[in-house]
Amino acid sequence: MRTFLIDFVGRCDRGAGWGGGMLGNKERRDGDEMKSASGENGRSPRGRAWRRNWFFAALMVSIFSVHCFAVEDPAKSAALFEEAAVAREEAAAIWENLGEGIKAAKAWAEAAAAWEKAGRMWEEAGNQDRAAKAWERFHAAIVKRDRTSVKLEMLSGNHQKVSVGALSDPLQVRVVDGAGNPVSGVEVRFEVAAGPEGTGEGKVIPASTKTDHRGRAECRVRAGRTPGKTVVSAVVPDLAREGVTFTLDVQTGEPARLEVVSGNNQVVKVNERALAPLVVRVTDRFGNPVANVPVTFRLVSIPEGAVGAGLSRNDVVTDASGLCGVRFRAGHLGGSYLVLAESGDLEGSPSRFEIIARQTIPTFRVTGIRVEGTTDTRSILVGGRLKVNETYLLSDLNRIFREELKRVYATGRFDDVAIYVDEDQQTTGEGEVIFRVKERPTILSVKIVGAKKVKEADLVGGIGLSPGSPYSQPAVEEARQTLLSALEEKGFLRATVGVETAWIESGDKEKPGGVDVTFRISEGSKVKIARMNFIGNKAFSDWILNWHMKTGKGKVYKEAVFEEDREKILQRYVDRGYLSAVMEDPVISYDKKGRMVLDIVINEGPRYRMGEVTFSGNQALDDSELAPYFAGFKGKFFRGKKFFRAVDKVRSAFARLGYAEVRVVPQEKLDPENGIVDFVIRIKEGKILYLEEIVLEGNFKTKDRIILREIHMSPGDILNGEEIAAARTRLEKTGYFEPGSVRLTLQEGSSPEKRRLIVQVAEGKTGQFQFGAGYSSADGLVGFASLSKKNFDPFDWPSFTGAGQNLTFSAEFGGEKNSYSLSWTEPYWRGKPISLGFDFFNVWQEREGFDWRRDGFALRLSHKYGANGRLSYKFEREKVAITNVTSAAPTDIQIEAGFPQSVRSVRTTTALTTGFVHDTRDDVRFPTEGHWLELSNELAGTFFGGNVSFTRPNFTFKHFIPIGSKHVFAYRFQYSTVSNFFDRSNPIPSVEKYVIGGATTIRGYRERTIQVFSPDRKTVIGPGKTFTLANFEYRVPFSEDKSISAALFADVGGVFAGEFEFDASQLVAGVGGGVRLTTPLGPIRLDYGFGLNFPNKGQGVLHFSMGQMF
């Protein structure tokens, strides 16, 4: 306590910190001016504020005196802090009345700090009532401080490139008040927060400056010697809650020096290649490697008369490490060979390599390996490069020794390591290699004691210590911190973790002892959130904010989770037009039960309307071509999603022209006073890029052509950035690869304007085998089995994978139903986007009063139409036989069979179906956005060779709308009718009419129970010629891969007697919910629906089915 007060008064006296500088020279001058302006009595508001400052300072001195020279009394200290806080509140109010917002903010900050200390002192004194009042005043002061504080904005200089040692362009910021007005004369401090690779290099010039009349301040950065990212922070001490951060890309400088790295002074046998390459490095003036620098190697001197000497190549280029090299081969004569490496006028150019050629070369044979200082020889010998009875060149042996030294140290088991050969053995050319080590102590046991509410097994696995591992103090401390974090994650915020070590002597002077490590835990009580208080929110209610946050009542507070929540909430504010909204860090307090209370202040700021949108940097497309993307925006409230979709369209417009790496960055200009936001769309087009090659990775089974046919570009084409995104979507839609595994990235090619397209995929599980059994009132007990294979290849035995074909075989078998079907599809016939396929089917079913059999075949053809469309044609011939008709059969079946004179009816239907599908879904299996539209018509007639005539037009529309980041609202509309318009004399068979209800049409009703009803809706008349349905689902995934999800649904539809009919009185509806599970057998859907109308009003039905509803 005494230490804090001394520091507190000292900071006030120096005019720093939350003392606000009231005893500094500037404040003294301001006080004199106030006094002279109001006369000797100093009765003006400024004079009163000046006296408040001096009163506050005197009060701090009195506190200092009490605690330095008297017996410490928390209650007395708390009372003095309260008096100081009240004094600063009054001073703040006076500054506000004078319009001095900056000084008022300082005073409120000082008041808040004083109330905080008063609250802590009252708690220490045991006076909870006074403490609660102090904390209440503290929160109020914080809110007022934030209301009058300033905001620091970044203007320019971020993400610039600067060479090592060079001076950057200006880094410019602006200071504004709460109304967005510039504030002059405010100190802004700049500092290098992080240098490349943690070096801290870089110097800010100047480190501190004051804002000009426009509220602006700037600095420059002298880059350090190391390339990489340099982070510079800018802050306004005391007055701004948040600073801004600039990131500079410090790049390697110009090549300055050429130096030899390896290969010099080698000894090589005549007529042989040197074992080590001749390697040089090019660096800048600070020693950083420089890539892409040409270097020339020349063999300039050889022994007289020698032949056969040479280099592997003469001209090379440095790599990313600044290295390049060549191989040298000696001639047939011994002696000295000289090679020069040259690169322009670089320092050290030319560099010399001298190689000595001899008839023999000094070597050393390893006769054995001896380990001294440990019995754990396995840690040293396993993985080593030295081999017994192996002969090494002395130069190679020294290099291997260095590598072995690093490897043994890296095991972490030894404090000291030496590798050597006895001197007397070096002269003989053979001998033992000796490893001499000093072992670290070993951990004998690891215990965790004191954990009562958390299982020890949940803690011990993640601490990284185990018996037998080497002991080190940093490792133990890291384990302690891991335990503490794990307890805090589970809500034990007051937990403590202590460490006890017991050293056990080994009894052997040559061997270190061991250590028993015990972590002693005191969990304390589990702290959960009692409530969250939102302050300042008007656009969104507390309920809405709580709904979108994972942090909430009854949960454990986690800072990382709160940061995610803050980003989510601010994104919603931005999307609604509150572009300057700020969500402060929560102020944490505790209620009487020890539960956490979070006070969260939200400064919404004004809601902005769109102003002007202008463009900068665009050359390939002029403003008139880009402006339509933002048509209708001006004057309306800013909507984030709509605006950024327009920005993406601008990006796509350039990408289509070959500017695949175009950068489109919107920069806003806020006018808080009028609530207007203008945007400058800054465009950096870059170069028109060309596709050099397409590289496929990860397709171990799928043939290259299957992937390449989905990429509508070839090497040499202009690189269409929009096509890259479209190709990724098409590859995902094939279903051949793991969801989310398809990645298309660009890499630099052989020249600046060329790029390599890297396509990465992960082969998916394309085969499915399903089997099972079920029971329904329509079919009785039925067993089923199906085998489907995507990416089928009939010639790839035994996996049958890779050709992109689709094959499906299914069968159902039971006492009342048997069916078999076989389908095959080739999506790309002979490499063209034409799909061919066939189907064979045979179905027999025993129904009430008759038997029904259907068998036939179909031939299918389809082709692309536009970017997302497809035209299809299907020729189908089937024979339907109705046999064993009895009086129990439906009336329409008896009429069709001619019962009772006949109990059998056979018809042949030959039909041609044409259709069009437009599909923009982002994913075939789990769509989250886009639509699917189908228009089709089936035409059957005697002119095709059958004896049935009808036409069947159909309309289906599905739409998927993302809600937030994961939820999806989906709906489907369908309308279809069957008509014998072209041949009224040929009635439509009953089996061609419509019956709906069940898992795939309207849930909450049993299968095939929705038909044409009587007007009183009490009797089922039979199948109808027209049906319609509408399905609505709200889908919520519970896992990142969407393998588990839930859905709420509402279905409505009906069957109508006539052609092209709609009768609202025939509609029925069902509501309910369900879950979806993705299993190795495929997606499983389990729904429970309630019928709202006849024939299942008020009753529930459980539906089990495979695949999505739509």
Foldseek 3Di string as FASTA:
>chain_A
DLVVLVVVLVCLCVCDDLVNHCNPPVVVVQLVVQCVVVDVVSPDLSNLLNVLSVVLSVLSVVLNCCVPPHDDDLLVNLVSLQVSLVSLQVSLVSCVVVVNLQSSLSSLSSSLVSLVSSLVSCVVNVNNVSNVVSVVSNVVSVVSSLQSFKAKAWDDDAAEEAEAQDKGDKGKIFIATQLRQGDWFFKKAKAWPAAAPRPRDKDKVVRIDIAHPRRMDIIMIRHHLDFAKIKMWMDGPSRHPDTDIGIYGHDFDDWAAKAWDDDAAAEAAAQAKTPDWGKIFTGHPSRAGDWFAKKFKDFDDAPPPFPDWDKPDGIDTAHNRRMDTIIIHHTRDWDKTWMWMAGPPHHCPTPIGIYTYDNDAQKAAAQEEEEPLDPPCCLLPVPQDDDHRDIGGPVVVVVSQVVSVVSSVVLVFFDDWDWDFDPVRSVVRYYHIYIYTHTAAWAQAEEEPDDDPDDPVVLPVPLPDGGGRGDDPVSVVSSLVSSQVVLLQQQQPVKHKDKDKDWDQPPDPSHGTHIHIYIYMDRPDGAAAQAEAEAPDDVDDPVVLQVQAPRGHPHRDDPVSVVVSQVQVVLVLVQQQQPVKDKDDWDWDADPVRYIYTYIYIHSAFRAAEAAEAEPDDDVDDPVVLCVLCPPRGPGTHGVVSVVVSQVVVVQVLLQVQLLVKDWDWDWDANRVVRYIYIYTYIDSPDFAFEQEEAEPACPAADPLVLVLLQPDHGGHGRRNVSQVSSQLVVQALVQFAPPFWDWDWDDDPDNRYIYIYTYTHGDDFKFWDWDWDAAPFAGIKIKIKIKGAQAAPPDPPVRHHQGKIWMWMWMDDDFKTKIKIKIKDCADVSHRKMKMKMWMWMWGHGFQKIKIKTWMKIKMKGADPDFKMKIKMKIKMKMKIARGDPRDAPLQCVQQVPPVGGMDMWMWIKMKIKMWGWDFSHDADGAFTKIWMWMKIFTDCVRPIDAGKMKTKIKMKGWHHDRPFKIKIKMKIKMFIGRVVCVVHDDRQVPFDFADADQAAFQGGGRPAADADLVLPGHNGGAGMKIKMKIKIKGAPDPSSQKIKIWIKMKMHGDHDGPDDDPSRMWMKTWMWMWHQDSNAIKIWIKIHTCGPPGRGDIDIHIDGGDSD
